[in-house]
PDB file of N, CA and C in Angstrom:
ATOM      1  N   MET A   1      20.992  18.225   3.681  1.00  0.00           N
ATOM      2  CA  MET A   1      20.352  17.820   2.213  1.00  0.00           C
ATOM      3  C   MET A   1      19.399  18.722   1.986  1.00  0.00           C
ATOM      4  N   ASP A   2      19.564  19.004   0.882  1.00  0.00           N
ATOM      5  CA  ASP A   2      18.344  20.157   0.415  1.00  0.00           C
ATOM      6  C   ASP A   2      17.033  19.239  -0.106  1.00  0.00           C
ATOM      7  N   ALA A   3      16.075  20.065  -0.166  1.00  0.00           N
ATOM      8  CA  ALA A   3      14.484  19.563  -0.424  1.00  0.00           C
ATOM      9  C   ALA A   3      14.282  18.819  -1.932  1.00  0.00           C
ATOM     10  N   ALA A   4      15.167  19.470  -2.719  1.00  0.00           N
ATOM     11  CA  ALA A   4      15.045  18.868  -3.986  1.00  0.00           C
ATOM     12  C   ALA A   4      15.674  17.423  -3.954  1.00  0.00           C
ATOM     13  N   ARG A   5      16.682  17.331  -3.435  1.00  0.00           N
ATOM     14  CA  ARG A   5      17.529  15.933  -3.135  1.00  0.00           C
ATOM     15  C   ARG A   5      16.639  15.074  -2.499  1.00  0.00           C
ATOM     16  N   ALA A   6      15.956  15.406  -1.388  1.00  0.00           N
ATOM     17  CA  ALA A   6      15.190  14.606  -0.413  1.00  0.00           C
ATOM     18  C   ALA A   6      13.905  14.127  -1.257  1.00  0.00           C
ATOM     19  N   ASN A   7      13.284  14.971  -2.244  1.00  0.00           N
ATOM     20  CA  ASN A   7      12.229  14.536  -2.789  1.00  0.00           C
ATOM     21  C   ASN A   7      12.603  13.510  -4.028  1.00  0.00           C
ATOM     22  N   GLN A   8      13.966  13.792  -4.838  1.00  0.00           N
ATOM     23  CA  GLN A   8      14.027  12.947  -5.570  1.00  0.00           C
ATOM     24  C   GLN A   8      14.491  11.323  -5.081  1.00  0.00           C
ATOM     25  N   GLU A   9      15.118  11.408  -3.787  1.00  0.00           N
ATOM     26  CA  GLU A   9      15.292  10.242  -3.189  1.00  0.00           C
ATOM     27  C   GLU A   9      14.027   9.467  -2.745  1.00  0.00           C
ATOM     28  N   LYS A  10      13.217  10.163  -2.211  1.00  0.00           N
ATOM     29  CA  LYS A  10      11.756   9.520  -1.940  1.00  0.00           C
ATOM     30  C   LYS A  10      11.099   9.036  -3.271  1.00  0.00           C
ATOM     31  N   ASN A  11      10.975   9.747  -4.244  1.00  0.00           N
ATOM     32  CA  ASN A  11      10.399   9.334  -5.491  1.00  0.00           C
ATOM     33  C   ASN A  11      11.200   7.979  -5.956  1.00  0.00           C
ATOM     34  N   SER A  12      12.599   8.108  -5.851  1.00  0.00           N
ATOM     35  CA  SER A  12      13.218   6.827  -6.353  1.00  0.00           C
ATOM     36  C   SER A  12      13.041   5.770  -5.518  1.00  0.00           C
ATOM     37  N   ALA A  13      12.788   5.833  -4.147  1.00  0.00           N
ATOM     38  CA  ALA A  13      12.623   4.613  -3.254  1.00  0.00           C
ATOM     39  C   ALA A  13      11.068   4.220  -3.642  1.00  0.00           C
ATOM     40  N   ALA A  14      10.138   5.058  -3.677  1.00  0.00           N
ATOM     41  CA  ALA A  14       8.872   4.738  -3.911  1.00  0.00           C
ATOM     42  C   ALA A  14       8.817   4.084  -5.423  1.00  0.00           C
ATOM     43  N   LEU A  15       9.497   4.475  -6.443  1.00  0.00           N
ATOM     44  CA  LEU A  15       9.402   3.870  -7.711  1.00  0.00           C
ATOM     45  C   LEU A  15      10.182   2.476  -7.534  1.00  0.00           C
ATOM     46  N   ASN A  16      11.289   2.210  -6.639  1.00  0.00           N
ATOM     47  CA  ASN A  16      11.797   0.888  -6.677  1.00  0.00           C
ATOM     48  C   ASN A  16      10.999   0.248  -5.873  1.00  0.00           C
ATOM     49  N   SER A  17      10.211   0.508  -5.150  1.00  0.00           N
ATOM     50  CA  SER A  17       9.144  -0.412  -4.211  1.00  0.00           C
ATOM     51  C   SER A  17       8.103  -0.958  -5.424  1.00  0.00           C
ATOM     52  N   VAL A  18       7.628   0.041  -6.292  1.00  0.00           N
ATOM     53  CA  VAL A  18       6.624  -0.394  -7.235  1.00  0.00           C
ATOM     54  C   VAL A  18       7.212  -1.556  -7.990  1.00  0.00           C
ATOM     55  N   ALA A  19       8.360  -1.289  -8.486  1.00  0.00           N
ATOM     56  CA  ALA A  19       8.896  -1.931  -9.439  1.00  0.00           C
ATOM     57  C   ALA A  19       9.255  -3.350  -8.729  1.00  0.00           C
ATOM     58  N   ALA A  20       9.750  -3.563  -7.474  1.00  0.00           N
ATOM     59  CA  ALA A  20       9.796  -4.897  -6.833  1.00  0.00           C
ATOM     60  C   ALA A  20       8.382  -5.488  -6.504  1.00  0.00           C
ATOM     61  N   ALA A  21       7.434  -4.819  -6.454  1.00  0.00           N
ATOM     62  CA  ALA A  21       6.147  -5.390  -6.276  1.00  0.00           C
ATOM     63  C   ALA A  21       5.507  -5.949  -7.487  1.00  0.00           C
ATOM     64  N   VAL A  22       5.892  -5.281  -8.741  1.00  0.00           N
ATOM     65  CA  VAL A  22       5.507  -5.689 -10.173  1.00  0.00           C
ATOM     66  C   VAL A  22       6.339  -7.061 -10.109  1.00  0.00           C
ATOM     67  N   PHE A  23       7.580  -7.161 -10.077  1.00  0.00           N
ATOM     68  CA  PHE A  23       8.511  -8.130 -10.410  1.00  0.00           C
ATOM     69  C   PHE A  23       7.713  -9.568  -9.451  1.00  0.00           C
ATOM     70  N   LEU A  24       7.830  -9.156  -8.106  1.00  0.00           N
ATOM     71  CA  LEU A  24       7.359 -10.288  -7.281  1.00  0.00           C
ATOM     72  C   LEU A  24       5.889 -10.866  -7.644  1.00  0.00           C
ATOM     73  N   THR A  25       4.928 -10.009  -7.810  1.00  0.00           N
ATOM     74  CA  THR A  25       3.678 -10.316  -8.187  1.00  0.00           C
ATOM     75  C   THR A  25       3.767 -11.123  -9.377  1.00  0.00           C
ATOM     76  N   SER A  26       4.579 -10.445 -10.572  1.00  0.00           N
ATOM     77  CA  SER A  26       4.574 -11.409 -11.898  1.00  0.00           C
ATOM     78  C   SER A  26       5.127 -12.823 -11.604  1.00  0.00           C
ATOM     79  N   LEU A  27       6.320 -12.921 -10.935  1.00  0.00           N
ATOM     80  CA  LEU A  27       6.797 -14.195 -10.727  1.00  0.00           C
ATOM     81  C   LEU A  27       6.076 -15.038  -9.743  1.00  0.00           C
ATOM     82  N   LYS A  28       5.294 -14.479  -9.004  1.00  0.00           N
ATOM     83  CA  LYS A  28       4.455 -15.513  -8.220  1.00  0.00           C
ATOM     84  C   LYS A  28       3.111 -16.181  -8.835  1.00  0.00           C
ATOM     85  N   ILE A  29       2.707 -15.249  -9.871  1.00  0.00           N
ATOM     86  CA  ILE A  29       1.806 -15.679 -10.664  1.00  0.00           C
ATOM     87  C   ILE A  29       2.144 -16.691 -11.714  1.00  0.00           C
ATOM     88  N   GLY A  30       3.064 -16.335 -12.148  1.00  0.00           N
ATOM     89  CA  GLY A  30       3.877 -17.342 -13.176  1.00  0.00           C
ATOM     90  C   GLY A  30       4.099 -18.675 -12.744  1.00  0.00           C
ATOM     91  N   VAL A  31       4.825 -18.495 -11.480  1.00  0.00           N
ATOM     92  CA  VAL A  31       5.210 -20.044 -10.846  1.00  0.00           C
ATOM     93  C   VAL A  31       3.642 -20.875 -10.292  1.00  0.00           C
ATOM     94  N   GLY A  32       2.903 -19.856  -9.693  1.00  0.00           N
ATOM     95  CA  GLY A  32       1.596 -20.335  -9.250  1.00  0.00           C
ATOM     96  C   GLY A  32       0.960 -21.093 -10.262  1.00  0.00           C
ATOM     97  N   LEU A  33       0.702 -20.399 -11.432  1.00  0.00           N
ATOM     98  CA  LEU A  33      -0.037 -21.070 -12.570  1.00  0.00           C
ATOM     99  C   LEU A  33       0.518 -22.194 -13.055  1.00  0.00           C
ATOM    100  N   TRP A  34       2.181 -22.190 -13.374  1.00  0.00           N
ATOM    101  CA  TRP A  34       2.999 -23.225 -13.807  1.00  0.00           C
ATOM    102  C   TRP A  34       2.733 -24.384 -12.896  1.00  0.00           C
ATOM    103  N   SER A  35       2.895 -24.496 -11.683  1.00  0.00           N
ATOM    104  CA  SER A  35       3.016 -25.472 -10.726  1.00  0.00           C
ATOM    105  C   SER A  35       1.454 -25.704 -10.159  1.00  0.00           C
ATOM    106  N   GLY A  36       0.421 -24.897 -10.385  1.00  0.00           N
ATOM    107  CA  GLY A  36      -0.968 -25.220  -9.837  1.00  0.00           C
ATOM    108  C   GLY A  36      -1.145 -24.932  -8.377  1.00  0.00           C
ATOM    109  N   SER A  37      -0.149 -24.408  -7.634  1.00  0.00           N
ATOM    110  CA  SER A  37      -0.114 -24.315  -6.295  1.00  0.00           C
ATOM    111  C   SER A  37      -1.064 -23.012  -5.711  1.00  0.00           C
ATOM    112  N   ILE A  38      -2.133 -23.543  -5.124  1.00  0.00           N
ATOM    113  CA  ILE A  38      -3.115 -22.631  -4.300  1.00  0.00           C
ATOM    114  C   ILE A  38      -2.195 -21.488  -3.661  1.00  0.00           C
ATOM    115  N   GLY A  39      -1.329 -22.011  -2.772  1.00  0.00           N
ATOM    116  CA  GLY A  39      -0.451 -21.266  -1.995  1.00  0.00           C
ATOM    117  C   GLY A  39       0.285 -20.140  -2.581  1.00  0.00           C
ATOM    118  N   ILE A  40       0.797 -20.600  -3.511  1.00  0.00           N
ATOM    119  CA  ILE A  40       1.613 -19.656  -4.461  1.00  0.00           C
ATOM    120  C   ILE A  40       0.781 -18.447  -5.049  1.00  0.00           C
ATOM    121  N   LEU A  41      -0.414 -19.029  -5.443  1.00  0.00           N
ATOM    122  CA  LEU A  41      -1.311 -18.079  -6.091  1.00  0.00           C
ATOM    123  C   LEU A  41      -1.940 -17.041  -4.845  1.00  0.00           C
ATOM    124  N   ALA A  42      -1.996 -17.645  -3.688  1.00  0.00           N
ATOM    125  CA  ALA A  42      -2.484 -16.677  -2.696  1.00  0.00           C
ATOM    126  C   ALA A  42      -1.622 -15.736  -2.235  1.00  0.00           C
ATOM    127  N   GLU A  43      -0.166 -16.160  -2.282  1.00  0.00           N
ATOM    128  CA  GLU A  43       0.978 -15.175  -2.195  1.00  0.00           C
ATOM    129  C   GLU A  43       1.091 -14.215  -3.305  1.00  0.00           C
ATOM    130  N   ALA A  44       0.628 -14.825  -4.616  1.00  0.00           N
ATOM    131  CA  ALA A  44       0.668 -13.631  -5.464  1.00  0.00           C
ATOM    132  C   ALA A  44      -0.512 -12.543  -5.330  1.00  0.00           C
ATOM    133  N   ALA A  45      -1.574 -13.029  -4.790  1.00  0.00           N
ATOM    134  CA  ALA A  45      -2.727 -12.060  -4.444  1.00  0.00           C
ATOM    135  C   ALA A  45      -2.348 -10.918  -3.311  1.00  0.00           C
ATOM    136  N   HIS A  46      -1.507 -11.496  -2.533  1.00  0.00           N
ATOM    137  CA  HIS A  46      -0.839 -10.774  -1.526  1.00  0.00           C
ATOM    138  C   HIS A  46      -0.022  -9.651  -1.831  1.00  0.00           C
ATOM    139  N   SER A  47       0.913 -10.267  -2.801  1.00  0.00           N
ATOM    140  CA  SER A  47       1.799  -9.343  -3.320  1.00  0.00           C
ATOM    141  C   SER A  47       1.190  -8.409  -4.405  1.00  0.00           C
ATOM    142  N   GLY A  48      -0.108  -8.655  -4.914  1.00  0.00           N
ATOM    143  CA  GLY A  48      -0.852  -7.703  -5.639  1.00  0.00           C
ATOM    144  C   GLY A  48      -1.088  -6.465  -4.484  1.00  0.00           C
ATOM    145  N   LEU A  49      -1.573  -6.950  -3.629  1.00  0.00           N
ATOM    146  CA  LEU A  49      -2.144  -5.924  -2.520  1.00  0.00           C
ATOM    147  C   LEU A  49      -0.810  -4.983  -2.207  1.00  0.00           C
ATOM    148  N   ASP A  50       0.296  -5.623  -2.066  1.00  0.00           N
ATOM    149  CA  ASP A  50       1.345  -4.853  -1.721  1.00  0.00           C
ATOM    150  C   ASP A  50       1.798  -3.936  -2.952  1.00  0.00           C
ATOM    151  N   PHE A  51       1.628  -4.310  -4.372  1.00  0.00           N
ATOM    152  CA  PHE A  51       1.545  -3.440  -5.424  1.00  0.00           C
ATOM    153  C   PHE A  51       0.679  -2.282  -5.426  1.00  0.00           C
ATOM    154  N   ILE A  52      -0.547  -2.656  -5.149  1.00  0.00           N
ATOM    155  CA  ILE A  52      -1.535  -1.546  -5.041  1.00  0.00           C
ATOM    156  C   ILE A  52      -0.971  -0.310  -3.761  1.00  0.00           C
ATOM    157  N   ALA A  53      -0.558  -0.795  -2.721  1.00  0.00           N
ATOM    158  CA  ALA A  53      -0.159  -0.015  -1.708  1.00  0.00           C
ATOM    159  C   ALA A  53       1.015   0.863  -2.146  1.00  0.00           C
ATOM    160  N   ALA A  54       2.043   0.095  -2.701  1.00  0.00           N
ATOM    161  CA  ALA A  54       3.243   0.753  -3.357  1.00  0.00           C
ATOM    162  C   ALA A  54       2.906   1.636  -4.310  1.00  0.00           C
ATOM    163  N   LEU A  55       1.876   1.613  -5.144  1.00  0.00           N
ATOM    164  CA  LEU A  55       1.602   2.765  -6.229  1.00  0.00           C
ATOM    165  C   LEU A  55       0.823   3.765  -5.290  1.00  0.00           C
ATOM    166  N   VAL A  56       0.112   3.551  -4.524  1.00  0.00           N
ATOM    167  CA  VAL A  56      -0.497   4.397  -3.732  1.00  0.00           C
ATOM    168  C   VAL A  56       0.495   5.548  -3.034  1.00  0.00           C
ATOM    169  N   THR A  57       1.552   4.833  -2.659  1.00  0.00           N
ATOM    170  CA  THR A  57       2.604   5.444  -1.924  1.00  0.00           C
ATOM    171  C   THR A  57       3.333   6.444  -2.886  1.00  0.00           C
ATOM    172  N   TYR A  58       3.586   5.866  -4.192  1.00  0.00           N
ATOM    173  CA  TYR A  58       4.375   6.481  -5.359  1.00  0.00           C
ATOM    174  C   TYR A  58       3.802   7.827  -5.730  1.00  0.00           C
ATOM    175  N   VAL A  59       2.529   7.474  -5.906  1.00  0.00           N
ATOM    176  CA  VAL A  59       1.531   8.868  -6.241  1.00  0.00           C
ATOM    177  C   VAL A  59       1.490   9.874  -5.440  1.00  0.00           C
ATOM    178  N   ALA A  60       1.345   9.426  -3.860  1.00  0.00           N
ATOM    179  CA  ALA A  60       1.490  10.336  -2.709  1.00  0.00           C
ATOM    180  C   ALA A  60       2.609  11.229  -2.612  1.00  0.00           C
ATOM    181  N   VAL A  61       3.847  10.579  -2.661  1.00  0.00           N
ATOM    182  CA  VAL A  61       4.953  10.887  -2.840  1.00  0.00           C
ATOM    183  C   VAL A  61       5.423  12.038  -3.807  1.00  0.00           C
ATOM    184  N   ARG A  62       4.857  11.704  -5.084  1.00  0.00           N
ATOM    185  CA  ARG A  62       5.041  12.663  -6.102  1.00  0.00           C
ATOM    186  C   ARG A  62       4.317  13.768  -5.780  1.00  0.00           C
ATOM    187  N   ALA A  63       3.048  13.455  -5.415  1.00  0.00           N
ATOM    188  CA  ALA A  63       2.217  14.749  -5.047  1.00  0.00           C
ATOM    189  C   ALA A  63       2.850  15.551  -3.803  1.00  0.00           C
ATOM    190  N   ALA A  64       3.087  15.073  -2.808  1.00  0.00           N
ATOM    191  CA  ALA A  64       3.498  15.836  -1.662  1.00  0.00           C
ATOM    192  C   ALA A  64       4.891  16.573  -2.173  1.00  0.00           C
ATOM    193  N   GLY A  65       5.705  16.237  -3.124  1.00  0.00           N
ATOM    194  CA  GLY A  65       6.787  16.992  -3.439  1.00  0.00           C
ATOM    195  C   GLY A  65       6.613  18.351  -4.236  1.00  0.00           C
ATOM    196  N   LYS A  66       5.289  18.573  -4.590  1.00  0.00           N
ATOM    197  CA  LYS A  66       4.806  19.844  -5.305  1.00  0.00           C
ATOM    198  C   LYS A  66       5.216  21.090  -4.460  1.00  0.00           C
ATOM    199  N   PRO A  67       5.525  21.949  -5.055  1.00  0.00           N
ATOM    200  CA  PRO A  67       5.556  23.311  -4.005  1.00  0.00           C
ATOM    201  C   PRO A  67       4.335  23.845  -3.755  1.00  0.00           C
ATOM    202  N   PRO A  68       4.300  24.637  -2.628  1.00  0.00           N
ATOM    203  CA  PRO A  68       3.191  25.308  -2.214  1.00  0.00           C
ATOM    204  C   PRO A  68       2.537  26.201  -3.390  1.00  0.00           C
ATOM    205  N   ASP A  69       1.113  26.200  -3.496  1.00  0.00           N
ATOM    206  CA  ASP A  69       0.529  27.220  -4.463  1.00  0.00           C
ATOM    207  C   ASP A  69      -0.462  27.801  -3.852  1.00  0.00           C
ATOM    208  N   ALA A  70      -1.339  28.462  -4.484  1.00  0.00           N
ATOM    209  CA  ALA A  70      -2.455  29.639  -4.054  1.00  0.00           C
ATOM    210  C   ALA A  70      -3.400  28.887  -3.209  1.00  0.00           C
ATOM    211  N   GLU A  71      -3.566  27.758  -3.587  1.00  0.00           N
ATOM    212  CA  GLU A  71      -4.674  26.759  -2.794  1.00  0.00           C
ATOM    213  C   GLU A  71      -4.180  26.045  -1.643  1.00  0.00           C
ATOM    214  N   HIS A  72      -2.677  25.680  -1.589  1.00  0.00           N
ATOM    215  CA  HIS A  72      -2.118  24.816  -0.563  1.00  0.00           C
ATOM    216  C   HIS A  72      -0.939  25.692  -0.121  1.00  0.00           C
ATOM    217  N   LEU A  73      -1.041  26.676   0.656  1.00  0.00           N
ATOM    218  CA  LEU A  73      -0.067  27.516   1.278  1.00  0.00           C
ATOM    219  C   LEU A  73       1.202  27.042   1.836  1.00  0.00           C
ATOM    220  N   TYR A  74       0.799  25.782   2.514  1.00  0.00           N
ATOM    221  CA  TYR A  74       1.781  25.199   3.236  1.00  0.00           C
ATOM    222  C   TYR A  74       2.407  24.003   2.295  1.00  0.00           C
ATOM    223  N   GLY A  75       2.000  23.872   1.123  1.00  0.00           N
ATOM    224  CA  GLY A  75       2.448  22.569   0.359  1.00  0.00           C
ATOM    225  C   GLY A  75       1.571  21.660   0.316  1.00  0.00           C
ATOM    226  N   HIS A  76       1.749  20.493  -0.188  1.00  0.00           N
ATOM    227  CA  HIS A  76       1.115  19.197  -0.267  1.00  0.00           C
ATOM    228  C   HIS A  76       1.414  17.977   0.450  1.00  0.00           C
ATOM    229  N   GLY A  77       2.135  18.408   1.513  1.00  0.00           N
ATOM    230  CA  GLY A  77       2.782  17.204   2.230  1.00  0.00           C
ATOM    231  C   GLY A  77       1.806  16.243   2.979  1.00  0.00           C
ATOM    232  N   LYS A  78       0.650  16.911   3.128  1.00  0.00           N
ATOM    233  CA  LYS A  78      -0.334  16.098   3.991  1.00  0.00           C
ATOM    234  C   LYS A  78      -0.877  14.775   3.294  1.00  0.00           C
ATOM    235  N   ILE A  79      -0.640  14.992   2.087  1.00  0.00           N
ATOM    236  CA  ILE A  79      -1.308  13.881   0.861  1.00  0.00           C
ATOM    237  C   ILE A  79      -0.652  12.465   1.372  1.00  0.00           C
ATOM    238  N   GLU A  80       0.613  12.806   1.979  1.00  0.00           N
ATOM    239  CA  GLU A  80       1.140  11.341   2.305  1.00  0.00           C
ATOM    240  C   GLU A  80       0.301  10.627   3.544  1.00  0.00           C
ATOM    241  N   ASN A  81      -0.198  11.491   4.412  1.00  0.00           N
ATOM    242  CA  ASN A  81      -0.937  11.065   5.354  1.00  0.00           C
ATOM    243  C   ASN A  81      -2.289  10.497   4.876  1.00  0.00           C
ATOM    244  N   LEU A  82      -2.927  11.113   4.071  1.00  0.00           N
ATOM    245  CA  LEU A  82      -4.055  10.349   3.197  1.00  0.00           C
ATOM    246  C   LEU A  82      -3.535   9.252   2.720  1.00  0.00           C
ATOM    247  N   SER A  83      -2.543   9.036   1.800  1.00  0.00           N
ATOM    248  CA  SER A  83      -2.342   7.881   1.384  1.00  0.00           C
ATOM    249  C   SER A  83      -2.150   6.616   2.582  1.00  0.00           C
ATOM    250  N   ALA A  84      -1.461   7.176   3.666  1.00  0.00           N
ATOM    251  CA  ALA A  84      -1.441   6.008   4.624  1.00  0.00           C
ATOM    252  C   ALA A  84      -2.972   5.367   5.187  1.00  0.00           C
ATOM    253  N   MET A  85      -3.748   6.420   5.195  1.00  0.00           N
ATOM    254  CA  MET A  85      -5.076   5.996   5.403  1.00  0.00           C
ATOM    255  C   MET A  85      -5.471   5.227   4.391  1.00  0.00           C
ATOM    256  N   VAL A  86      -5.520   5.452   3.167  1.00  0.00           N
ATOM    257  CA  VAL A  86      -5.948   4.465   2.080  1.00  0.00           C
ATOM    258  C   VAL A  86      -5.140   3.003   2.250  1.00  0.00           C
ATOM    259  N   GLU A  87      -4.035   3.110   2.525  1.00  0.00           N
ATOM    260  CA  GLU A  87      -3.378   1.666   2.900  1.00  0.00           C
ATOM    261  C   GLU A  87      -3.555   1.112   3.850  1.00  0.00           C
ATOM    262  N   THR A  88      -4.174   1.824   5.131  1.00  0.00           N
ATOM    263  CA  THR A  88      -4.751   1.279   6.219  1.00  0.00           C
ATOM    264  C   THR A  88      -6.226   0.664   5.691  1.00  0.00           C
ATOM    265  N   PHE A  89      -6.960   1.072   5.063  1.00  0.00           N
ATOM    266  CA  PHE A  89      -8.219   0.758   4.833  1.00  0.00           C
ATOM    267  C   PHE A  89      -7.988  -0.553   3.695  1.00  0.00           C
ATOM    268  N   LEU A  90      -6.956  -0.649   3.035  1.00  0.00           N
ATOM    269  CA  LEU A  90      -6.621  -1.850   2.258  1.00  0.00           C
ATOM    270  C   LEU A  90      -6.524  -3.006   3.240  1.00  0.00           C
ATOM    271  N   LEU A  91      -5.562  -2.854   4.318  1.00  0.00           N
ATOM    272  CA  LEU A  91      -5.169  -3.848   5.229  1.00  0.00           C
ATOM    273  C   LEU A  91      -6.491  -4.067   5.986  1.00  0.00           C
ATOM    274  N   LEU A  92      -7.281  -3.287   6.254  1.00  0.00           N
ATOM    275  CA  LEU A  92      -8.542  -3.610   6.932  1.00  0.00           C
ATOM    276  C   LEU A  92      -9.510  -4.268   6.428  1.00  0.00           C
ATOM    277  N   ALA A  93      -9.829  -4.099   5.054  1.00  0.00           N
ATOM    278  CA  ALA A  93     -10.419  -4.925   4.156  1.00  0.00           C
ATOM    279  C   ALA A  93      -9.864  -6.295   4.073  1.00  0.00           C
ATOM    280  N   THR A  94      -8.527  -6.451   4.018  1.00  0.00           N
ATOM    281  CA  THR A  94      -8.051  -7.643   3.939  1.00  0.00           C
ATOM    282  C   THR A  94      -8.296  -8.685   5.057  1.00  0.00           C
ATOM    283  N   CYS A  95      -8.182  -7.965   6.356  1.00  0.00           N
ATOM    284  CA  CYS A  95      -8.290  -8.551   7.430  1.00  0.00           C
ATOM    285  C   CYS A  95      -9.737  -9.017   7.781  1.00  0.00           C
ATOM    286  N   SER A  96     -10.745  -8.066   7.382  1.00  0.00           N
ATOM    287  CA  SER A  96     -12.174  -8.425   7.306  1.00  0.00           C
ATOM    288  C   SER A  96     -12.232  -9.576   6.622  1.00  0.00           C
ATOM    289  N   TRP A  97     -11.811  -9.772   5.291  1.00  0.00           N
ATOM    290  CA  TRP A  97     -12.071 -10.939   4.327  1.00  0.00           C
ATOM    291  C   TRP A  97     -11.690 -12.169   4.895  1.00  0.00           C
ATOM    292  N   ILE A  98     -10.254 -12.072   5.301  1.00  0.00           N
ATOM    293  CA  ILE A  98      -9.787 -13.358   5.959  1.00  0.00           C
ATOM    294  C   ILE A  98     -10.436 -13.697   7.236  1.00  0.00           C
ATOM    295  N   GLY A  99     -10.878 -12.830   8.122  1.00  0.00           N
ATOM    296  CA  GLY A  99     -11.566 -13.152   9.221  1.00  0.00           C
ATOM    297  C   GLY A  99     -12.937 -13.682   8.823  1.00  0.00           C
ATOM    298  N   GLY A 100     -13.552 -13.222   7.977  1.00  0.00           N
ATOM    299  CA  GLY A 100     -14.887 -13.661   7.720  1.00  0.00           C
ATOM    300  C   GLY A 100     -14.610 -14.928   6.757  1.00  0.00           C
ATOM    301  N   GLY A 101     -13.803 -15.217   6.261  1.00  0.00           N
ATOM    302  CA  GLY A 101     -13.881 -16.515   5.529  1.00  0.00           C
ATOM    303  C   GLY A 101     -13.650 -17.607   6.615  1.00  0.00           C
ATOM    304  N   ARG A 102     -12.770 -17.451   7.640  1.00  0.00           N
ATOM    305  CA  ARG A 102     -12.522 -18.531   8.658  1.00  0.00           C
ATOM    306  C   ARG A 102     -13.769 -18.820   9.373  1.00  0.00           C
ATOM    307  N   ASP A 103     -14.322 -17.733  10.006  1.00  0.00           N
ATOM    308  CA  ASP A 103     -15.600 -17.945  10.775  1.00  0.00           C
ATOM    309  C   ASP A 103     -16.488 -16.453  10.361  1.00  0.00           C
ATOM    310  N   LYS A 104     -17.422 -16.462  11.122  1.00  0.00           N
ATOM    311  CA  LYS A 104     -18.239 -14.987  10.729  1.00  0.00           C
ATOM    312  C   LYS A 104     -17.820 -13.925  11.477  1.00  0.00           C
ATOM    313  N   SER A 105     -16.681 -13.760  11.995  1.00  0.00           N
ATOM    314  CA  SER A 105     -16.127 -12.888  13.033  1.00  0.00           C
ATOM    315  C   SER A 105     -15.425 -11.631  12.121  1.00  0.00           C
ATOM    316  N   GLY A 106     -15.580 -11.658  10.802  1.00  0.00           N
ATOM    317  CA  GLY A 106     -14.599 -10.489  10.116  1.00  0.00           C
ATOM    318  C   GLY A 106     -15.062  -9.351  10.611  1.00  0.00           C
ATOM    319  N   PHE A 107     -16.290  -8.914  10.697  1.00  0.00           N
ATOM    320  CA  PHE A 107     -16.664  -7.518  11.161  1.00  0.00           C
ATOM    321  C   PHE A 107     -15.770  -7.275  12.459  1.00  0.00           C
ATOM    322  N   TRP A 108     -15.692  -8.187  13.557  1.00  0.00           N
ATOM    323  CA  TRP A 108     -14.978  -7.956  14.722  1.00  0.00           C
ATOM    324  C   TRP A 108     -13.321  -7.937  14.585  1.00  0.00           C
ATOM    325  N   THR A 109     -12.911  -8.825  13.656  1.00  0.00           N
ATOM    326  CA  THR A 109     -11.681  -8.645  13.123  1.00  0.00           C
ATOM    327  C   THR A 109     -11.241  -6.979  12.765  1.00  0.00           C
ATOM    328  N   PHE A 110     -11.999  -6.663  11.798  1.00  0.00           N
ATOM    329  CA  PHE A 110     -11.978  -5.409  11.349  1.00  0.00           C
ATOM    330  C   PHE A 110     -11.912  -4.318  12.298  1.00  0.00           C
ATOM    331  N   LEU A 111     -12.940  -4.412  13.404  1.00  0.00           N
ATOM    332  CA  LEU A 111     -12.979  -3.428  14.355  1.00  0.00           C
ATOM    333  C   LEU A 111     -11.743  -3.424  15.097  1.00  0.00           C
ATOM    334  N   LEU A 112     -11.238  -4.734  15.609  1.00  0.00           N
ATOM    335  CA  LEU A 112     -10.195  -4.834  16.304  1.00  0.00           C
ATOM    336  C   LEU A 112      -8.945  -4.156  15.663  1.00  0.00           C
ATOM    337  N   VAL A 113      -8.716  -4.269  14.498  1.00  0.00           N
ATOM    338  CA  VAL A 113      -7.519  -3.660  13.839  1.00  0.00           C
ATOM    339  C   VAL A 113      -7.586  -2.430  13.604  1.00  0.00           C
ATOM    340  N   PHE A 114      -9.010  -1.828  13.259  1.00  0.00           N
ATOM    341  CA  PHE A 114      -9.192  -0.570  13.038  1.00  0.00           C
ATOM    342  C   PHE A 114      -8.812   0.258  14.206  1.00  0.00           C
ATOM    343  N   ASP A 115      -9.391  -0.167  15.460  1.00  0.00           N
ATOM    344  CA  ASP A 115      -9.111   0.454  16.821  1.00  0.00           C
ATOM    345  C   ASP A 115      -7.619   0.372  17.114  1.00  0.00           C
ATOM    346  N   ALA A 116      -6.883  -0.751  16.964  1.00  0.00           N
ATOM    347  CA  ALA A 116      -5.655  -0.539  17.033  1.00  0.00           C
ATOM    348  C   ALA A 116      -4.810   0.349  16.139  1.00  0.00           C
ATOM    349  N   ASN A 117      -5.275   0.637  14.875  1.00  0.00           N
ATOM    350  CA  ASN A 117      -4.569   1.448  14.231  1.00  0.00           C
ATOM    351  C   ASN A 117      -4.667   3.016  14.603  1.00  0.00           C
ATOM    352  N   ILE A 118      -5.948   3.257  15.169  1.00  0.00           N
ATOM    353  CA  ILE A 118      -6.190   4.419  15.465  1.00  0.00           C
ATOM    354  C   ILE A 118      -5.378   4.874  16.723  1.00  0.00           C
ATOM    355  N   VAL A 119      -5.342   4.063  17.787  1.00  0.00           N
ATOM    356  CA  VAL A 119      -4.571   3.913  18.900  1.00  0.00           C
ATOM    357  C   VAL A 119      -3.074   4.284  18.660  1.00  0.00           C
ATOM    358  N   VAL A 120      -2.564   3.582  17.716  1.00  0.00           N
ATOM    359  CA  VAL A 120      -1.025   3.676  17.217  1.00  0.00           C
ATOM    360  C   VAL A 120      -0.957   4.907  16.294  1.00  0.00           C
TER     361      VAL A 120
END
């Protein structure tokens, strides 16, 4: 498979992920508001976070597909690693928020998940 075809498939997959996240988030918000269910609205918030992560991935995949230029002699592929770090921080912030809401150990939850992500 050539590089252009691979980039096209990555862009398509990332765009489909964004579209699915928009659809699911919208559906959950609508059903949550219609039914008054806090649980479904919480799921809508979770899907909203998934949407943000999918959007970050889409932007990164498009940027990573750019050819090398004078400033980036080896291309732009490392931006995908940067987007993974952004998504990790989104998850860490969520863990900290959830852990902090249950008891006051949100900071320790954050550190545990952060350390686990570094090890992996």
